[in-house]
Amino acid sequence: LFGSNIGESPSSFIHNKVLNRFKKNIVYLNFESSNIDNIIDLINKPYFKGASVTMPYKEEVISYFKKKYELDAINTIVKKEDRIEFANTDSLALEYFINDSKVYILGTGGAAIGALEATIGKNVTIVGRNLDKLKLLAEKYKVKYIKLNEFSEEKSYYQVINCLPPTVNIEKFLSNKCNLIDMSYGIHNLDKDSLSTAYSELCNMVNGYDIL
């Protein structure tokens, strides 16, 4: 697993459990680095076979191999002989949980791009802080966009795919009329007094462990 802050990630535990179950002579390890050059160097080693990729490298790593994917994001790399292949298993998993209702995707990073790939053809609004990135993604995926601080209470039933970092409060996006898919692998930053209300009144909640 490639990432910059992955000490608490359950990914290696889950993958090694599966590898042991099927008696594969493979070990899945965390490779934590704040320098992407270290990751690229490892990918280019002759013994490298594959990896999962998490933030902040979902977008960045792919540009080293395929420049045309400037607005794409991956979470899986597979090396077959001298050929590098990419996939986003988040997109495949998200398709199982998304219905035809209105969708709000929170964030503009790699996880949000995976969510956009999973919701093509649906009624989607992407919500974020970076206006330039919002416009680029909205144009590419033909969706609506709004700034994070401009979101107003939604009256109808809707879905929220949360791809924001845990330091961002998402409470105003939640109500008893929404389903939450939280890609953050846990409870986000919410006001403690309203924490139980905000989450217990949700129709449904899927977290990052379900996606993984």
C-alpha atoms as a PDB file:
ATOM      1  CA  LEU A   1       0.000   0.000   0.000  1.00  0.00           C
ATOM      2  CA  PHE A   2       1.432   3.367  -1.064  1.00  0.00           C
ATOM      3  CA  GLY A   3       0.485   6.414   0.998  1.00  0.00           C
ATOM      4  CA  SER A   4       1.811   9.190   3.211  1.00  0.00           C
ATOM      5  CA  ASN A   5      -0.124   8.512   6.435  1.00  0.00           C
ATOM      6  CA  ILE A   6      -1.247   4.899   6.499  1.00  0.00           C
ATOM      7  CA  GLY A   7      -0.246   3.605   9.931  1.00  0.00           C
ATOM      8  CA  GLU A   8      -3.870   2.881  10.875  1.00  0.00           C
ATOM      9  CA  SER A   9      -5.002   1.532   7.509  1.00  0.00           C
ATOM     10  CA  PRO A  10      -6.695  -1.897   7.699  1.00  0.00           C
ATOM     11  CA  SER A  11      -5.732  -2.677   4.108  1.00  0.00           C
ATOM     12  CA  SER A  12      -2.690  -4.854   4.822  1.00  0.00           C
ATOM     13  CA  PHE A  13      -4.530  -6.896   7.466  1.00  0.00           C
ATOM     14  CA  ILE A  14      -7.452  -7.583   5.146  1.00  0.00           C
ATOM     15  CA  HIS A  15      -5.305  -8.394   2.105  1.00  0.00           C
ATOM     16  CA  ASN A  16      -2.947 -10.711   4.015  1.00  0.00           C
ATOM     17  CA  LYS A  17      -5.924 -12.513   5.521  1.00  0.00           C
ATOM     18  CA  VAL A  18      -7.217 -13.248   2.017  1.00  0.00           C
ATOM     19  CA  LEU A  19      -3.755 -14.178   0.703  1.00  0.00           C
ATOM     20  CA  ASN A  20      -3.262 -16.633   3.571  1.00  0.00           C
ATOM     21  CA  ARG A  21      -6.731 -18.084   3.063  1.00  0.00           C
ATOM     22  CA  PHE A  22      -5.871 -18.962  -0.536  1.00  0.00           C
ATOM     23  CA  LYS A  23      -2.290 -20.010   0.331  1.00  0.00           C
ATOM     24  CA  LYS A  24      -0.629 -17.402  -1.901  1.00  0.00           C
ATOM     25  CA  ASN A  25       3.113 -16.853  -1.490  1.00  0.00           C
ATOM     26  CA  ILE A  26       2.639 -13.089  -1.371  1.00  0.00           C
ATOM     27  CA  VAL A  27       2.988 -10.507   1.411  1.00  0.00           C
ATOM     28  CA  TYR A  28       1.098  -7.201   1.390  1.00  0.00           C
ATOM     29  CA  LEU A  29       2.998  -4.391   3.154  1.00  0.00           C
ATOM     30  CA  ASN A  30       2.559  -0.711   3.870  1.00  0.00           C
ATOM     31  CA  PHE A  31       5.032   1.615   2.132  1.00  0.00           C
ATOM     32  CA  GLU A  32       4.679   5.027   3.724  1.00  0.00           C
ATOM     33  CA  SER A  33       6.503   7.963   2.174  1.00  0.00           C
ATOM     34  CA  SER A  34       6.090  11.712   1.752  1.00  0.00           C
ATOM     35  CA  ASN A  35       8.175  11.593  -1.439  1.00  0.00           C
ATOM     36  CA  ILE A  36       6.536  10.138  -4.526  1.00  0.00           C
ATOM     37  CA  ASP A  37       9.953   9.562  -6.128  1.00  0.00           C
ATOM     38  CA  ASN A  38      10.504   6.767  -3.584  1.00  0.00           C
ATOM     39  CA  ILE A  39       7.272   5.154  -4.754  1.00  0.00           C
ATOM     40  CA  ILE A  40       8.120   5.461  -8.453  1.00  0.00           C
ATOM     41  CA  ASP A  41      11.534   3.954  -7.773  1.00  0.00           C
ATOM     42  CA  LEU A  42       9.910   0.944  -6.087  1.00  0.00           C
ATOM     43  CA  ILE A  43       7.424   0.467  -8.952  1.00  0.00           C
ATOM     44  CA  ASN A  44      10.342   0.293 -11.372  1.00  0.00           C
ATOM     45  CA  LYS A  45      12.088  -2.487  -9.417  1.00  0.00           C
ATOM     46  CA  PRO A  46      12.100  -5.865 -11.238  1.00  0.00           C
ATOM     47  CA  TYR A  47      10.463  -7.628  -8.269  1.00  0.00           C
ATOM     48  CA  PHE A  48       7.515  -5.237  -8.009  1.00  0.00           C
ATOM     49  CA  LYS A  49       4.201  -6.925  -8.885  1.00  0.00           C
ATOM     50  CA  GLY A  50       1.482  -4.570  -7.709  1.00  0.00           C
ATOM     51  CA  ALA A  51       0.187  -2.194  -5.082  1.00  0.00           C
ATOM     52  CA  SER A  52      -2.786  -0.369  -3.691  1.00  0.00           C
ATOM     53  CA  VAL A  53      -2.549   3.426  -3.746  1.00  0.00           C
ATOM     54  CA  THR A  54      -4.156   5.819  -1.292  1.00  0.00           C
ATOM     55  CA  MET A  55      -4.044   9.548  -0.621  1.00  0.00           C
ATOM     56  CA  PRO A  56      -2.301  11.701  -1.597  1.00  0.00           C
ATOM     57  CA  TYR A  57      -1.022   9.670  -4.554  1.00  0.00           C
ATOM     58  CA  LYS A  58      -4.202   8.497  -6.305  1.00  0.00           C
ATOM     59  CA  GLU A  59      -3.885  11.224  -8.924  1.00  0.00           C
ATOM     60  CA  GLU A  60      -0.184  11.967  -8.764  1.00  0.00           C
ATOM     61  CA  VAL A  61       1.267   8.523  -9.382  1.00  0.00           C
ATOM     62  CA  ILE A  62      -0.594   7.926 -12.622  1.00  0.00           C
ATOM     63  CA  SER A  63       0.846  11.052 -14.261  1.00  0.00           C
ATOM     64  CA  TYR A  64       4.304   9.468 -14.149  1.00  0.00           C
ATOM     65  CA  PHE A  65       3.159   6.766 -16.553  1.00  0.00           C
ATOM     66  CA  LYS A  66       0.225   8.162 -18.549  1.00  0.00           C
ATOM     67  CA  LYS A  67       0.168  11.945 -18.982  1.00  0.00           C
ATOM     68  CA  LYS A  68      -3.313  11.922 -20.535  1.00  0.00           C
ATOM     69  CA  TYR A  69      -4.889  10.894 -17.209  1.00  0.00           C
ATOM     70  CA  GLU A  70      -4.505  14.322 -15.601  1.00  0.00           C
ATOM     71  CA  LEU A  71      -7.997  14.209 -14.056  1.00  0.00           C
ATOM     72  CA  ASP A  72      -8.151  10.488 -13.401  1.00  0.00           C
ATOM     73  CA  ALA A  73      -7.344   8.676 -10.191  1.00  0.00           C
ATOM     74  CA  ILE A  74      -6.408   5.092  -9.410  1.00  0.00           C
ATOM     75  CA  ASN A  75      -6.064   2.998  -6.296  1.00  0.00           C
ATOM     76  CA  THR A  76      -4.511  -0.151  -7.792  1.00  0.00           C
ATOM     77  CA  ILE A  77      -1.347  -0.735  -9.822  1.00  0.00           C
ATOM     78  CA  VAL A  78      -0.543  -4.081 -11.455  1.00  0.00           C
ATOM     79  CA  LYS A  79       2.739  -4.837 -13.224  1.00  0.00           C
ATOM     80  CA  LYS A  80       2.594  -7.469 -15.949  1.00  0.00           C
ATOM     81  CA  GLU A  81       6.060  -8.089 -17.374  1.00  0.00           C
ATOM     82  CA  ASP A  82       7.137  -4.534 -18.302  1.00  0.00           C
ATOM     83  CA  ARG A  83       3.596  -3.146 -18.635  1.00  0.00           C
ATOM     84  CA  ILE A  84       1.936  -1.083 -15.927  1.00  0.00           C
ATOM     85  CA  GLU A  85      -1.861  -1.368 -15.632  1.00  0.00           C
ATOM     86  CA  PHE A  86      -4.169   0.748 -13.490  1.00  0.00           C
ATOM     87  CA  ALA A  87      -7.585   0.275 -11.913  1.00  0.00           C
ATOM     88  CA  ASN A  88      -9.863   1.954  -9.408  1.00  0.00           C
ATOM     89  CA  THR A  89     -11.566  -0.696  -7.312  1.00  0.00           C
ATOM     90  CA  ASP A  90     -13.316   2.030  -5.281  1.00  0.00           C
ATOM     91  CA  SER A  91     -15.380   2.849  -8.368  1.00  0.00           C
ATOM     92  CA  LEU A  92     -16.351  -0.788  -8.828  1.00  0.00           C
ATOM     93  CA  ALA A  93     -17.341  -1.164  -5.160  1.00  0.00           C
ATOM     94  CA  LEU A  94     -19.286   2.102  -5.037  1.00  0.00           C
ATOM     95  CA  GLU A  95     -21.555   0.919  -7.843  1.00  0.00           C
ATOM     96  CA  TYR A  96     -23.037  -1.665  -5.446  1.00  0.00           C
ATOM     97  CA  PHE A  97     -24.165   1.011  -2.979  1.00  0.00           C
ATOM     98  CA  ILE A  98     -25.381   3.845  -5.203  1.00  0.00           C
ATOM     99  CA  ASN A  99     -29.001   4.091  -6.328  1.00  0.00           C
ATOM    100  CA  ASP A 100     -30.699   6.437  -8.789  1.00  0.00           C
ATOM    101  CA  SER A 101     -31.338   9.269  -6.325  1.00  0.00           C
ATOM    102  CA  LYS A 102     -29.531  12.607  -6.374  1.00  0.00           C
ATOM    103  CA  VAL A 103     -25.845  12.348  -5.415  1.00  0.00           C
ATOM    104  CA  TYR A 104     -23.575  14.874  -3.699  1.00  0.00           C
ATOM    105  CA  ILE A 105     -19.858  14.060  -3.896  1.00  0.00           C
ATOM    106  CA  LEU A 106     -17.825  15.933  -1.276  1.00  0.00           C
ATOM    107  CA  GLY A 107     -14.243  16.664  -2.334  1.00  0.00           C
ATOM    108  CA  THR A 108     -12.202  17.037  -5.511  1.00  0.00           C
ATOM    109  CA  GLY A 109      -9.284  14.662  -4.907  1.00  0.00           C
ATOM    110  CA  GLY A 110      -8.594  11.124  -6.034  1.00  0.00           C
ATOM    111  CA  ALA A 111     -11.370   9.495  -4.010  1.00  0.00           C
ATOM    112  CA  ALA A 112     -13.885  11.985  -5.431  1.00  0.00           C
ATOM    113  CA  ILE A 113     -12.754  11.196  -8.973  1.00  0.00           C
ATOM    114  CA  GLY A 114     -13.334   7.508  -8.268  1.00  0.00           C
ATOM    115  CA  ALA A 115     -16.835   8.400  -7.055  1.00  0.00           C
ATOM    116  CA  LEU A 116     -17.479  10.406 -10.228  1.00  0.00           C
ATOM    117  CA  GLU A 117     -16.475   7.396 -12.315  1.00  0.00           C
ATOM    118  CA  ALA A 118     -18.971   5.273 -10.371  1.00  0.00           C
ATOM    119  CA  THR A 119     -21.860   7.720 -10.832  1.00  0.00           C
ATOM    120  CA  ILE A 120     -21.646   8.479 -14.553  1.00  0.00           C
ATOM    121  CA  GLY A 121     -25.124   9.099 -15.941  1.00  0.00           C
ATOM    122  CA  LYS A 122     -26.676   9.952 -12.562  1.00  0.00           C
ATOM    123  CA  ASN A 123     -27.836  13.275 -11.095  1.00  0.00           C
ATOM    124  CA  VAL A 124     -24.558  14.362  -9.496  1.00  0.00           C
ATOM    125  CA  THR A 125     -23.323  17.555  -7.849  1.00  0.00           C
ATOM    126  CA  ILE A 126     -19.690  17.786  -6.805  1.00  0.00           C
ATOM    127  CA  VAL A 127     -18.951  19.935  -3.748  1.00  0.00           C
ATOM    128  CA  GLY A 128     -15.530  21.283  -2.828  1.00  0.00           C
ATOM    129  CA  ARG A 129     -13.302  24.158  -1.816  1.00  0.00           C
ATOM    130  CA  ASN A 130     -11.135  24.492  -4.935  1.00  0.00           C
ATOM    131  CA  LEU A 131     -13.222  26.315  -7.544  1.00  0.00           C
ATOM    132  CA  ASP A 132     -10.812  25.683 -10.418  1.00  0.00           C
ATOM    133  CA  LYS A 133     -10.778  21.936  -9.716  1.00  0.00           C
ATOM    134  CA  LEU A 134     -14.563  21.919  -9.367  1.00  0.00           C
ATOM    135  CA  LYS A 135     -14.953  23.487 -12.789  1.00  0.00           C
ATOM    136  CA  LEU A 136     -12.516  21.063 -14.435  1.00  0.00           C
ATOM    137  CA  LEU A 137     -14.206  18.000 -12.958  1.00  0.00           C
ATOM    138  CA  ALA A 138     -17.704  19.309 -13.686  1.00  0.00           C
ATOM    139  CA  GLU A 139     -16.780  19.866 -17.321  1.00  0.00           C
ATOM    140  CA  LYS A 140     -15.145  16.465 -17.753  1.00  0.00           C
ATOM    141  CA  TYR A 141     -17.910  14.451 -16.066  1.00  0.00           C
ATOM    142  CA  LYS A 142     -20.849  16.655 -17.121  1.00  0.00           C
ATOM    143  CA  VAL A 143     -22.062  17.253 -13.569  1.00  0.00           C
ATOM    144  CA  LYS A 144     -23.107  20.251 -11.497  1.00  0.00           C
ATOM    145  CA  TYR A 145     -20.852  21.826  -8.890  1.00  0.00           C
ATOM    146  CA  ILE A 146     -21.094  24.116  -5.838  1.00  0.00           C
ATOM    147  CA  LYS A 147     -18.586  25.526  -3.362  1.00  0.00           C
ATOM    148  CA  LEU A 148     -18.469  23.791   0.004  1.00  0.00           C
ATOM    149  CA  ASN A 149     -19.569  26.897   1.893  1.00  0.00           C
ATOM    150  CA  GLU A 150     -22.537  27.435  -0.436  1.00  0.00           C
ATOM    151  CA  PHE A 151     -24.355  24.166   0.269  1.00  0.00           C
ATOM    152  CA  SER A 152     -27.842  24.715   1.682  1.00  0.00           C
ATOM    153  CA  GLU A 153     -30.132  22.205   3.368  1.00  0.00           C
ATOM    154  CA  GLU A 154     -31.420  19.578   0.962  1.00  0.00           C
ATOM    155  CA  LYS A 155     -35.162  18.930   1.252  1.00  0.00           C
ATOM    156  CA  SER A 156     -35.474  15.776  -0.830  1.00  0.00           C
ATOM    157  CA  TYR A 157     -33.999  12.297  -0.451  1.00  0.00           C
ATOM    158  CA  TYR A 158     -30.352  12.204  -1.564  1.00  0.00           C
ATOM    159  CA  GLN A 159     -27.021  10.401  -1.285  1.00  0.00           C
ATOM    160  CA  VAL A 160     -23.722  11.772   0.036  1.00  0.00           C
ATOM    161  CA  ILE A 161     -20.367  10.286  -0.967  1.00  0.00           C
ATOM    162  CA  ASN A 162     -17.879  11.828   1.432  1.00  0.00           C
ATOM    163  CA  CYS A 163     -14.322  12.091   0.078  1.00  0.00           C
ATOM    164  CA  LEU A 164     -13.127  14.930   2.315  1.00  0.00           C
ATOM    165  CA  PRO A 165     -10.339  14.598   4.889  1.00  0.00           C
ATOM    166  CA  PRO A 166     -11.453  13.883   8.484  1.00  0.00           C
ATOM    167  CA  THR A 167     -10.628  17.444   9.584  1.00  0.00           C
ATOM    168  CA  VAL A 168     -13.534  18.844   7.532  1.00  0.00           C
ATOM    169  CA  ASN A 169     -16.913  18.994   9.268  1.00  0.00           C
ATOM    170  CA  ILE A 170     -19.628  17.398   7.097  1.00  0.00           C
ATOM    171  CA  GLU A 171     -22.524  17.694   9.524  1.00  0.00           C
ATOM    172  CA  LYS A 172     -24.523  20.161   7.404  1.00  0.00           C
ATOM    173  CA  PHE A 173     -24.697  17.609   4.586  1.00  0.00           C
ATOM    174  CA  LEU A 174     -26.403  14.979   6.733  1.00  0.00           C
ATOM    175  CA  SER A 175     -30.095  14.551   7.497  1.00  0.00           C
ATOM    176  CA  ASN A 176     -32.697  11.819   7.885  1.00  0.00           C
ATOM    177  CA  LYS A 177     -33.316  12.171   4.147  1.00  0.00           C
ATOM    178  CA  CYS A 178     -29.846  11.061   3.077  1.00  0.00           C
ATOM    179  CA  ASN A 179     -27.714   7.978   2.714  1.00  0.00           C
ATOM    180  CA  LEU A 180     -24.041   8.461   3.555  1.00  0.00           C
ATOM    181  CA  ILE A 181     -21.136   6.650   1.934  1.00  0.00           C
ATOM    182  CA  ASP A 182     -18.142   7.771   3.992  1.00  0.00           C
ATOM    183  CA  MET A 183     -14.856   7.046   2.219  1.00  0.00           C
ATOM    184  CA  SER A 184     -12.880   8.242   5.244  1.00  0.00           C
ATOM    185  CA  TYR A 185     -12.857   4.862   7.079  1.00  0.00           C
ATOM    186  CA  GLY A 186     -14.557   6.288  10.122  1.00  0.00           C
ATOM    187  CA  ILE A 187     -16.661   9.001  11.671  1.00  0.00           C
ATOM    188  CA  HIS A 188     -15.839  12.458  10.387  1.00  0.00           C
ATOM    189  CA  ASN A 189     -15.381  15.633  12.359  1.00  0.00           C
ATOM    190  CA  LEU A 190     -18.804  16.415  13.809  1.00  0.00           C
ATOM    191  CA  ASP A 191     -20.013  18.461  16.715  1.00  0.00           C
ATOM    192  CA  LYS A 192     -20.026  16.071  19.683  1.00  0.00           C
ATOM    193  CA  ASP A 193     -23.447  17.194  20.927  1.00  0.00           C
ATOM    194  CA  SER A 194     -25.133  16.386  17.612  1.00  0.00           C
ATOM    195  CA  LEU A 195     -22.990  13.393  16.668  1.00  0.00           C
ATOM    196  CA  SER A 196     -25.542  10.756  17.646  1.00  0.00           C
ATOM    197  CA  THR A 197     -28.413  12.647  16.028  1.00  0.00           C
ATOM    198  CA  ALA A 198     -26.585  13.334  12.780  1.00  0.00           C
ATOM    199  CA  TYR A 199     -25.670   9.685  12.286  1.00  0.00           C
ATOM    200  CA  SER A 200     -28.505   7.777  13.927  1.00  0.00           C
ATOM    201  CA  GLU A 201     -31.133   9.515  11.797  1.00  0.00           C
ATOM    202  CA  LEU A 202     -29.480   8.540   8.533  1.00  0.00           C
ATOM    203  CA  CYS A 203     -31.444   6.095   6.397  1.00  0.00           C
ATOM    204  CA  ASN A 204     -28.263   4.161   5.762  1.00  0.00           C
ATOM    205  CA  MET A 205     -24.522   4.483   6.216  1.00  0.00           C
ATOM    206  CA  VAL A 206     -21.709   2.770   4.347  1.00  0.00           C
ATOM    207  CA  ASN A 207     -18.134   3.370   5.481  1.00  0.00           C
ATOM    208  CA  GLY A 208     -14.748   2.902   3.869  1.00  0.00           C
ATOM    209  CA  TYR A 209     -14.337  -0.567   5.362  1.00  0.00           C
ATOM    210  CA  ASP A 210     -17.421  -1.707   3.429  1.00  0.00           C
ATOM    211  CA  ILE A 211     -15.932  -0.268   0.235  1.00  0.00           C
ATOM    212  CA  LEU A 212     -12.578  -1.952   0.916  1.00  0.00           C
END
